[in-house]
Structures are given as structure tokens and as C-alpha cells.
PDB file of all heavy atoms in Angstrom:
ATOM      1  N   THR A   1      87.990  47.689 108.933  1.00  0.00           N
ATOM      2  CA  THR A   1      88.773  46.907 109.875  1.00  0.00           C
ATOM      3  C   THR A   1      90.222  46.901 109.415  1.00  0.00           C
ATOM      4  O   THR A   1      90.519  46.582 108.264  1.00  0.00           O
ATOM      5  CB  THR A   1      88.233  45.470 109.970  1.00  0.00           C
ATOM      6  OG1 THR A   1      86.866  45.520 110.392  1.00  0.00           O
ATOM      7  CG2 THR A   1      89.037  44.652 110.961  1.00  0.00           C
ATOM      8  N   TYR A   2      91.106  47.283 110.328  1.00  0.00           N
ATOM      9  CA  TYR A   2      92.547  47.305 110.063  1.00  0.00           C
ATOM     10  C   TYR A   2      93.228  46.283 110.960  1.00  0.00           C
ATOM     11  O   TYR A   2      92.807  46.065 112.102  1.00  0.00           O
ATOM     12  CB  TYR A   2      93.134  48.687 110.398  1.00  0.00           C
ATOM     13  CG  TYR A   2      92.646  49.799 109.501  1.00  0.00           C
ATOM     14  CD1 TYR A   2      91.504  50.517 109.821  1.00  0.00           C
ATOM     15  CD2 TYR A   2      93.333  50.126 108.342  1.00  0.00           C
ATOM     16  CE1 TYR A   2      91.046  51.543 109.001  1.00  0.00           C
ATOM     17  CE2 TYR A   2      92.893  51.148 107.517  1.00  0.00           C
ATOM     18  CZ  TYR A   2      91.746  51.849 107.856  1.00  0.00           C
ATOM     19  OH  TYR A   2      91.302  52.863 107.036  1.00  0.00           O
ATOM     20  N   MET A   3      94.284  45.669 110.462  1.00  0.00           N
ATOM     21  CA  MET A   3      95.147  44.860 111.319  1.00  0.00           C
ATOM     22  C   MET A   3      96.092  45.845 111.998  1.00  0.00           C
ATOM     23  O   MET A   3      96.834  46.564 111.332  1.00  0.00           O
ATOM     24  CB  MET A   3      95.924  43.820 110.519  1.00  0.00           C
ATOM     25  CG  MET A   3      95.073  42.643 110.070  1.00  0.00           C
ATOM     26  SD  MET A   3      94.137  41.832 111.410  1.00  0.00           S
ATOM     27  CE  MET A   3      95.448  41.189 112.429  1.00  0.00           C
ATOM     28  N   VAL A   4      96.021  45.876 113.322  1.00  0.00           N
ATOM     29  CA  VAL A   4      96.756  46.847 114.112  1.00  0.00           C
ATOM     30  C   VAL A   4      97.788  46.108 114.962  1.00  0.00           C
ATOM     31  O   VAL A   4      97.542  45.007 115.451  1.00  0.00           O
ATOM     32  CB  VAL A   4      95.773  47.635 115.009  1.00  0.00           C
ATOM     33  CG1 VAL A   4      96.500  48.557 115.955  1.00  0.00           C
ATOM     34  CG2 VAL A   4      94.793  48.412 114.154  1.00  0.00           C
ATOM     35  N   ARG A   5      98.939  46.768 115.132  1.00  0.00           N
ATOM     36  CA  ARG A   5     100.008  46.176 115.940  1.00  0.00           C
ATOM     37  C   ARG A   5     100.444  47.190 116.992  1.00  0.00           C
ATOM     38  O   ARG A   5     100.554  48.382 116.726  1.00  0.00           O
ATOM     39  CB  ARG A   5     101.187  45.827 115.036  1.00  0.00           C
ATOM     40  CG  ARG A   5     102.232  44.974 115.696  1.00  0.00           C
ATOM     41  CD  ARG A   5     103.259  44.411 114.706  1.00  0.00           C
ATOM     42  NE  ARG A   5     103.134  44.895 113.337  1.00  0.00           N
ATOM     43  CZ  ARG A   5     103.945  45.807 112.787  1.00  0.00           C
ATOM     44  NH1 ARG A   5     104.908  46.341 113.463  1.00  0.00           N
ATOM     45  NH2 ARG A   5     103.774  46.177 111.532  1.00  0.00           N
ATOM     46  N   HIS A   6     100.687  46.669 118.196  1.00  0.00           N
ATOM     47  CA  HIS A   6     101.216  47.484 119.288  1.00  0.00           C
ATOM     48  C   HIS A   6     102.313  46.674 119.978  1.00  0.00           C
ATOM     49  O   HIS A   6     102.182  45.453 120.123  1.00  0.00           O
ATOM     50  CB  HIS A   6     100.107  47.848 120.279  1.00  0.00           C
ATOM     51  CG  HIS A   6     100.563  48.764 121.362  1.00  0.00           C
ATOM     52  ND1 HIS A   6     100.999  48.295 122.580  1.00  0.00           N
ATOM     53  CD2 HIS A   6     100.666  50.116 121.407  1.00  0.00           C
ATOM     54  CE1 HIS A   6     101.342  49.323 123.330  1.00  0.00           C
ATOM     55  NE2 HIS A   6     101.160  50.439 122.637  1.00  0.00           N
ATOM     56  N   SER A   7     103.355  47.348 120.429  1.00  0.00           N
ATOM     57  CA  SER A   7     104.507  46.641 120.995  1.00  0.00           C
ATOM     58  C   SER A   7     104.143  45.796 122.218  1.00  0.00           C
ATOM     59  O   SER A   7     104.718  44.726 122.423  1.00  0.00           O
ATOM     60  CB  SER A   7     105.607  47.636 121.357  1.00  0.00           C
ATOM     61  OG  SER A   7     105.134  48.588 122.290  1.00  0.00           O
ATOM     62  N   ALA A   8     103.192  46.230 123.035  1.00  0.00           N
ATOM     63  CA  ALA A   8     102.822  45.464 124.232  1.00  0.00           C
ATOM     64  C   ALA A   8     101.597  44.579 124.030  1.00  0.00           C
ATOM     65  O   ALA A   8     101.477  43.532 124.665  1.00  0.00           O
ATOM     66  CB  ALA A   8     102.574  46.417 125.402  1.00  0.00           C
ATOM     67  N   LEU A   9     100.673  44.982 123.151  1.00  0.00           N
ATOM     68  CA  LEU A   9      99.413  44.254 122.981  1.00  0.00           C
ATOM     69  C   LEU A   9      99.446  43.242 121.837  1.00  0.00           C
ATOM     70  O   LEU A   9      98.540  42.419 121.721  1.00  0.00           O
ATOM     71  CB  LEU A   9      98.261  45.235 122.751  1.00  0.00           C
ATOM     72  CG  LEU A   9      97.969  46.188 123.907  1.00  0.00           C
ATOM     73  CD1 LEU A   9      96.917  47.213 123.504  1.00  0.00           C
ATOM     74  CD2 LEU A   9      97.525  45.415 125.126  1.00  0.00           C
ATOM     75  N   GLY A  10     100.433  43.335 120.974  1.00  0.00           N
ATOM     76  CA  GLY A  10     100.514  42.418 119.847  1.00  0.00           C
ATOM     77  C   GLY A  10      99.683  42.891 118.664  1.00  0.00           C
ATOM     78  O   GLY A  10      99.435  44.085 118.495  1.00  0.00           O
ATOM     79  N   GLU A  11      99.226  41.933 117.847  1.00  0.00           N
ATOM     80  CA  GLU A  11      98.481  42.247 116.629  1.00  0.00           C
ATOM     81  C   GLU A  11      97.032  41.788 116.768  1.00  0.00           C
ATOM     82  O   GLU A  11      96.763  40.701 117.272  1.00  0.00           O
ATOM     83  CB  GLU A  11      99.137  41.566 115.428  1.00  0.00           C
ATOM     84  CG  GLU A  11      98.548  41.979 114.113  1.00  0.00           C
ATOM     85  CD  GLU A  11      99.325  41.407 112.934  1.00  0.00           C
ATOM     86  OE1 GLU A  11      99.502  40.171 112.882  1.00  0.00           O
ATOM     87  OE2 GLU A  11      99.736  42.196 112.085  1.00  0.00           O
ATOM     88  N   PHE A  12      96.105  42.639 116.295  1.00  0.00           N
ATOM     89  CA  PHE A  12      94.685  42.321 116.376  1.00  0.00           C
ATOM     90  C   PHE A  12      93.935  43.170 115.363  1.00  0.00           C
ATOM     91  O   PHE A  12      94.435  44.183 114.873  1.00  0.00           O
ATOM     92  CB  PHE A  12      94.143  42.558 117.796  1.00  0.00           C
ATOM     93  CG  PHE A  12      94.457  43.915 118.345  1.00  0.00           C
ATOM     94  CD1 PHE A  12      93.563  44.967 118.205  1.00  0.00           C
ATOM     95  CD2 PHE A  12      95.660  44.149 118.989  1.00  0.00           C
ATOM     96  CE1 PHE A  12      93.861  46.221 118.710  1.00  0.00           C
ATOM     97  CE2 PHE A  12      95.968  45.407 119.494  1.00  0.00           C
ATOM     98  CZ  PHE A  12      95.061  46.444 119.350  1.00  0.00           C
ATOM     99  N   ALA A  13      92.712  42.747 115.028  1.00  0.00           N
ATOM    100  CA  ALA A  13      91.864  43.492 114.103  1.00  0.00           C
ATOM    101  C   ALA A  13      91.112  44.571 114.880  1.00  0.00           C
ATOM    102  O   ALA A  13      90.651  44.330 115.999  1.00  0.00           O
ATOM    103  CB  ALA A  13      90.879  42.552 113.424  1.00  0.00           C
ATOM    104  N   LEU A  14      91.003  45.759 114.265  1.00  0.00           N
ATOM    105  CA  LEU A  14      90.343  46.883 114.913  1.00  0.00           C
ATOM    106  C   LEU A  14      89.540  47.653 113.873  1.00  0.00           C
ATOM    107  O   LEU A  14      90.080  48.055 112.846  1.00  0.00           O
ATOM    108  CB  LEU A  14      91.399  47.792 115.543  1.00  0.00           C
ATOM    109  CG  LEU A  14      90.943  48.879 116.488  1.00  0.00           C
ATOM    110  CD1 LEU A  14      90.209  48.290 117.682  1.00  0.00           C
ATOM    111  CD2 LEU A  14      92.143  49.673 116.962  1.00  0.00           C
ATOM    112  N   PHE A  15      88.239  47.825 114.135  1.00  0.00           N
ATOM    113  CA  PHE A  15      87.374  48.584 113.239  1.00  0.00           C
ATOM    114  C   PHE A  15      87.466  50.057 113.630  1.00  0.00           C
ATOM    115  O   PHE A  15      87.051  50.441 114.726  1.00  0.00           O
ATOM    116  CB  PHE A  15      85.929  48.092 113.326  1.00  0.00           C
ATOM    117  CG  PHE A  15      85.017  48.719 112.313  1.00  0.00           C
ATOM    118  CD1 PHE A  15      85.085  48.358 110.974  1.00  0.00           C
ATOM    119  CD2 PHE A  15      84.097  49.679 112.687  1.00  0.00           C
ATOM    120  CE1 PHE A  15      84.253  48.937 110.028  1.00  0.00           C
ATOM    121  CE2 PHE A  15      83.250  50.270 111.756  1.00  0.00           C
ATOM    122  CZ  PHE A  15      83.335  49.896 110.421  1.00  0.00           C
ATOM    123  N   LEU A  16      88.050  50.874 112.753  1.00  0.00           N
ATOM    124  CA  LEU A  16      88.251  52.295 113.008  1.00  0.00           C
ATOM    125  C   LEU A  16      87.325  53.128 112.135  1.00  0.00           C
ATOM    126  O   LEU A  16      87.168  52.851 110.950  1.00  0.00           O
ATOM    127  CB  LEU A  16      89.698  52.698 112.727  1.00  0.00           C
ATOM    128  CG  LEU A  16      90.745  52.117 113.668  1.00  0.00           C
ATOM    129  CD1 LEU A  16      92.152  52.463 113.181  1.00  0.00           C
ATOM    130  CD2 LEU A  16      90.534  52.626 115.088  1.00  0.00           C
ATOM    131  N   VAL A  17      86.748  54.170 112.745  1.00  0.00           N
ATOM    132  CA  VAL A  17      85.834  55.079 112.060  1.00  0.00           C
ATOM    133  C   VAL A  17      86.360  56.503 112.225  1.00  0.00           C
ATOM    134  O   VAL A  17      86.595  56.943 113.356  1.00  0.00           O
ATOM    135  CB  VAL A  17      84.414  54.989 112.668  1.00  0.00           C
ATOM    136  CG1 VAL A  17      83.475  55.978 112.010  1.00  0.00           C
ATOM    137  CG2 VAL A  17      83.876  53.570 112.561  1.00  0.00           C
ATOM    138  N   PRO A  18      86.571  57.229 111.121  1.00  0.00           N
ATOM    139  CA  PRO A  18      86.974  58.634 111.272  1.00  0.00           C
ATOM    140  C   PRO A  18      85.793  59.439 111.807  1.00  0.00           C
ATOM    141  O   PRO A  18      84.682  59.336 111.295  1.00  0.00           O
ATOM    142  CB  PRO A  18      87.346  59.063 109.850  1.00  0.00           C
ATOM    143  CG  PRO A  18      86.652  58.104 108.952  1.00  0.00           C
ATOM    144  CD  PRO A  18      86.460  56.832 109.718  1.00  0.00           C
ATOM    145  N   ILE A  19      86.030  60.224 112.873  1.00  0.00           N
ATOM    146  CA  ILE A  19      84.915  60.957 113.488  1.00  0.00           C
ATOM    147  C   ILE A  19      85.148  62.464 113.557  1.00  0.00           C
ATOM    148  O   ILE A  19      84.199  63.213 113.781  1.00  0.00           O
ATOM    149  CB  ILE A  19      84.583  60.426 114.897  1.00  0.00           C
ATOM    150  CG1 ILE A  19      85.770  60.579 115.839  1.00  0.00           C
ATOM    151  CG2 ILE A  19      84.092  58.999 114.833  1.00  0.00           C
ATOM    152  CD1 ILE A  19      85.417  60.404 117.297  1.00  0.00           C
ATOM    153  N   ALA A  20      86.388  62.922 113.383  1.00  0.00           N
ATOM    154  CA  ALA A  20      86.651  64.357 113.499  1.00  0.00           C
ATOM    155  C   ALA A  20      87.964  64.697 112.805  1.00  0.00           C
ATOM    156  O   ALA A  20      88.810  63.835 112.574  1.00  0.00           O
ATOM    157  CB  ALA A  20      86.719  64.775 114.958  1.00  0.00           C
ATOM    158  N   ARG A  21      88.099  65.988 112.497  1.00  0.00           N
ATOM    159  CA  ARG A  21      89.337  66.505 111.916  1.00  0.00           C
ATOM    160  C   ARG A  21      89.695  67.782 112.655  1.00  0.00           C
ATOM    161  O   ARG A  21      88.825  68.567 113.013  1.00  0.00           O
ATOM    162  CB  ARG A  21      89.147  66.813 110.439  1.00  0.00           C
ATOM    163  CG  ARG A  21      90.413  67.301 109.783  1.00  0.00           C
ATOM    164  CD  ARG A  21      90.223  67.556 108.320  1.00  0.00           C
ATOM    165  NE  ARG A  21      91.508  67.824 107.716  1.00  0.00           N
ATOM    166  CZ  ARG A  21      91.699  68.085 106.465  1.00  0.00           C
ATOM    167  NH1 ARG A  21      90.670  68.112 105.636  1.00  0.00           N
ATOM    168  NH2 ARG A  21      92.903  68.311 105.992  1.00  0.00           N
ATOM    169  N   ASP A  22      90.972  67.969 112.893  1.00  0.00           N
ATOM    170  CA  ASP A  22      91.433  69.222 113.468  1.00  0.00           C
ATOM    171  C   ASP A  22      92.693  69.667 112.736  1.00  0.00           C
ATOM    172  O   ASP A  22      93.042  69.089 111.700  1.00  0.00           O
ATOM    173  CB  ASP A  22      91.636  69.118 114.983  1.00  0.00           C
ATOM    174  CG  ASP A  22      92.704  68.112 115.382  1.00  0.00           C
ATOM    175  OD1 ASP A  22      93.534  67.710 114.535  1.00  0.00           O
ATOM    176  OD2 ASP A  22      92.734  67.725 116.567  1.00  0.00           O
ATOM    177  N   ALA A  23      93.381  70.649 113.252  1.00  0.00           N
ATOM    178  CA  ALA A  23      94.539  71.223 112.567  1.00  0.00           C
ATOM    179  C   ALA A  23      95.690  70.239 112.417  1.00  0.00           C
ATOM    180  O   ALA A  23      96.545  70.419 111.542  1.00  0.00           O
ATOM    181  CB  ALA A  23      95.010  72.468 113.315  1.00  0.00           C
ATOM    182  N   THR A  24      95.726  69.195 113.237  1.00  0.00           N
ATOM    183  CA  THR A  24      96.853  68.262 113.182  1.00  0.00           C
ATOM    184  C   THR A  24      96.529  66.928 112.531  1.00  0.00           C
ATOM    185  O   THR A  24      97.386  66.055 112.468  1.00  0.00           O
ATOM    186  CB  THR A  24      97.415  68.003 114.595  1.00  0.00           C
ATOM    187  OG1 THR A  24      96.409  67.371 115.376  1.00  0.00           O
ATOM    188  CG2 THR A  24      97.870  69.290 115.254  1.00  0.00           C
ATOM    189  N   GLY A  25      95.313  66.725 112.068  1.00  0.00           N
ATOM    190  CA  GLY A  25      94.966  65.468 111.410  1.00  0.00           C
ATOM    191  C   GLY A  25      93.562  65.019 111.725  1.00  0.00           C
ATOM    192  O   GLY A  25      92.672  65.836 111.937  1.00  0.00           O
ATOM    193  N   PHE A  26      93.387  63.702 111.776  1.00  0.00           N
ATOM    194  CA  PHE A  26      92.067  63.105 111.968  1.00  0.00           C
ATOM    195  C   PHE A  26      92.016  62.301 113.261  1.00  0.00           C
ATOM    196  O   PHE A  26      93.020  61.730 113.689  1.00  0.00           O
ATOM    197  CB  PHE A  26      91.710  62.192 110.792  1.00  0.00           C
ATOM    198  CG  PHE A  26      91.436  62.938 109.522  1.00  0.00           C
ATOM    199  CD1 PHE A  26      92.455  63.201 108.622  1.00  0.00           C
ATOM    200  CD2 PHE A  26      90.158  63.414 109.237  1.00  0.00           C
ATOM    201  CE1 PHE A  26      92.197  63.902 107.453  1.00  0.00           C
ATOM    202  CE2 PHE A  26      89.901  64.116 108.072  1.00  0.00           C
ATOM    203  CZ  PHE A  26      90.935  64.353 107.172  1.00  0.00           C
ATOM    204  N   ILE A  27      90.806  62.225 113.831  1.00  0.00           N
ATOM    205  CA  ILE A  27      90.533  61.409 115.008  1.00  0.00           C
ATOM    206  C   ILE A  27      89.690  60.211 114.541  1.00  0.00           C
ATOM    207  O   ILE A  27      88.722  60.374 113.790  1.00  0.00           O
ATOM    208  CB  ILE A  27      89.758  62.187 116.089  1.00  0.00           C
ATOM    209  CG1 ILE A  27      90.516  63.441 116.494  1.00  0.00           C
ATOM    210  CG2 ILE A  27      89.451  61.303 117.288  1.00  0.00           C
ATOM    211  CD1 ILE A  27      91.818  63.177 117.203  1.00  0.00           C
ATOM    212  N   TYR A  28      90.062  59.019 115.007  1.00  0.00           N
ATOM    213  CA  TYR A  28      89.367  57.788 114.661  1.00  0.00           C
ATOM    214  C   TYR A  28      88.879  57.141 115.942  1.00  0.00           C
ATOM    215  O   TYR A  28      89.544  57.212 116.974  1.00  0.00           O
ATOM    216  CB  TYR A  28      90.301  56.825 113.926  1.00  0.00           C
ATOM    217  CG  TYR A  28      90.757  57.352 112.603  1.00  0.00           C
ATOM    218  CD1 TYR A  28      91.794  58.275 112.505  1.00  0.00           C
ATOM    219  CD2 TYR A  28      90.143  56.959 111.424  1.00  0.00           C
ATOM    220  CE1 TYR A  28      92.202  58.781 111.293  1.00  0.00           C
ATOM    221  CE2 TYR A  28      90.542  57.447 110.203  1.00  0.00           C
ATOM    222  CZ  TYR A  28      91.582  58.359 110.139  1.00  0.00           C
ATOM    223  OH  TYR A  28      91.969  58.856 108.928  1.00  0.00           O
ATOM    224  N   GLN A  29      87.715  56.489 115.876  1.00  0.00           N
ATOM    225  CA  GLN A  29      87.136  55.842 117.046  1.00  0.00           C
ATOM    226  C   GLN A  29      86.978  54.348 116.812  1.00  0.00           C
ATOM    227  O   GLN A  29      86.624  53.903 115.713  1.00  0.00           O
ATOM    228  CB  GLN A  29      85.764  56.446 117.368  1.00  0.00           C
ATOM    229  CG  GLN A  29      85.132  55.871 118.612  1.00  0.00           C
ATOM    230  CD  GLN A  29      83.802  56.513 118.935  1.00  0.00           C
ATOM    231  OE1 GLN A  29      83.013  56.801 118.030  1.00  0.00           O
ATOM    232  NE2 GLN A  29      83.543  56.741 120.199  1.00  0.00           N
ATOM    233  N   ALA A  30      87.212  53.596 117.869  1.00  0.00           N
ATOM    234  CA  ALA A  30      86.916  52.161 117.915  1.00  0.00           C
ATOM    235  C   ALA A  30      86.019  51.942 119.120  1.00  0.00           C
ATOM    236  O   ALA A  30      86.320  52.426 120.222  1.00  0.00           O
ATOM    237  CB  ALA A  30      88.192  51.341 118.050  1.00  0.00           C
ATOM    238  N   VAL A  31      84.897  51.237 118.925  1.00  0.00           N
ATOM    239  CA  VAL A  31      83.952  50.968 120.011  1.00  0.00           C
ATOM    240  C   VAL A  31      83.919  49.479 120.264  1.00  0.00           C
ATOM    241  O   VAL A  31      83.785  48.680 119.334  1.00  0.00           O
ATOM    242  CB  VAL A  31      82.542  51.486 119.647  1.00  0.00           C
ATOM    243  CG1 VAL A  31      81.533  51.090 120.713  1.00  0.00           C
ATOM    244  CG2 VAL A  31      82.556  53.005 119.449  1.00  0.00           C
ATOM    245  N   PHE A  32      84.024  49.117 121.528  1.00  0.00           N
ATOM    246  CA  PHE A  32      83.951  47.718 121.961  1.00  0.00           C
ATOM    247  C   PHE A  32      82.703  47.570 122.822  1.00  0.00           C
ATOM    248  O   PHE A  32      82.565  48.239 123.835  1.00  0.00           O
ATOM    249  CB  PHE A  32      85.178  47.351 122.797  1.00  0.00           C
ATOM    250  CG  PHE A  32      86.467  47.349 122.046  1.00  0.00           C
ATOM    251  CD1 PHE A  32      87.096  48.549 121.722  1.00  0.00           C
ATOM    252  CD2 PHE A  32      87.049  46.165 121.653  1.00  0.00           C
ATOM    253  CE1 PHE A  32      88.283  48.559 121.040  1.00  0.00           C
ATOM    254  CE2 PHE A  32      88.248  46.158 120.957  1.00  0.00           C
ATOM    255  CZ  PHE A  32      88.859  47.375 120.644  1.00  0.00           C
TER     256      PHE A  32
END
């Protein structure tokens, strides 16, 4: 769980899971 901030949504906790890697980095998923 990371504390995440977005300019329009504010700050909230988000559980992120790394699910894939490609040439430009990693993909993370959050499920609600």
C-alpha cells in the first residue's frame, strides 16, 4: 500500500501490485 497523490483526486492509499515488465518499465495494478 502506497500513499498516492494526484492533482485532482487528492491523497489516498492505494495497494499496487507489479504485474508485468516491458521495455519501458513496469506495469502495476490496483483492484477495487
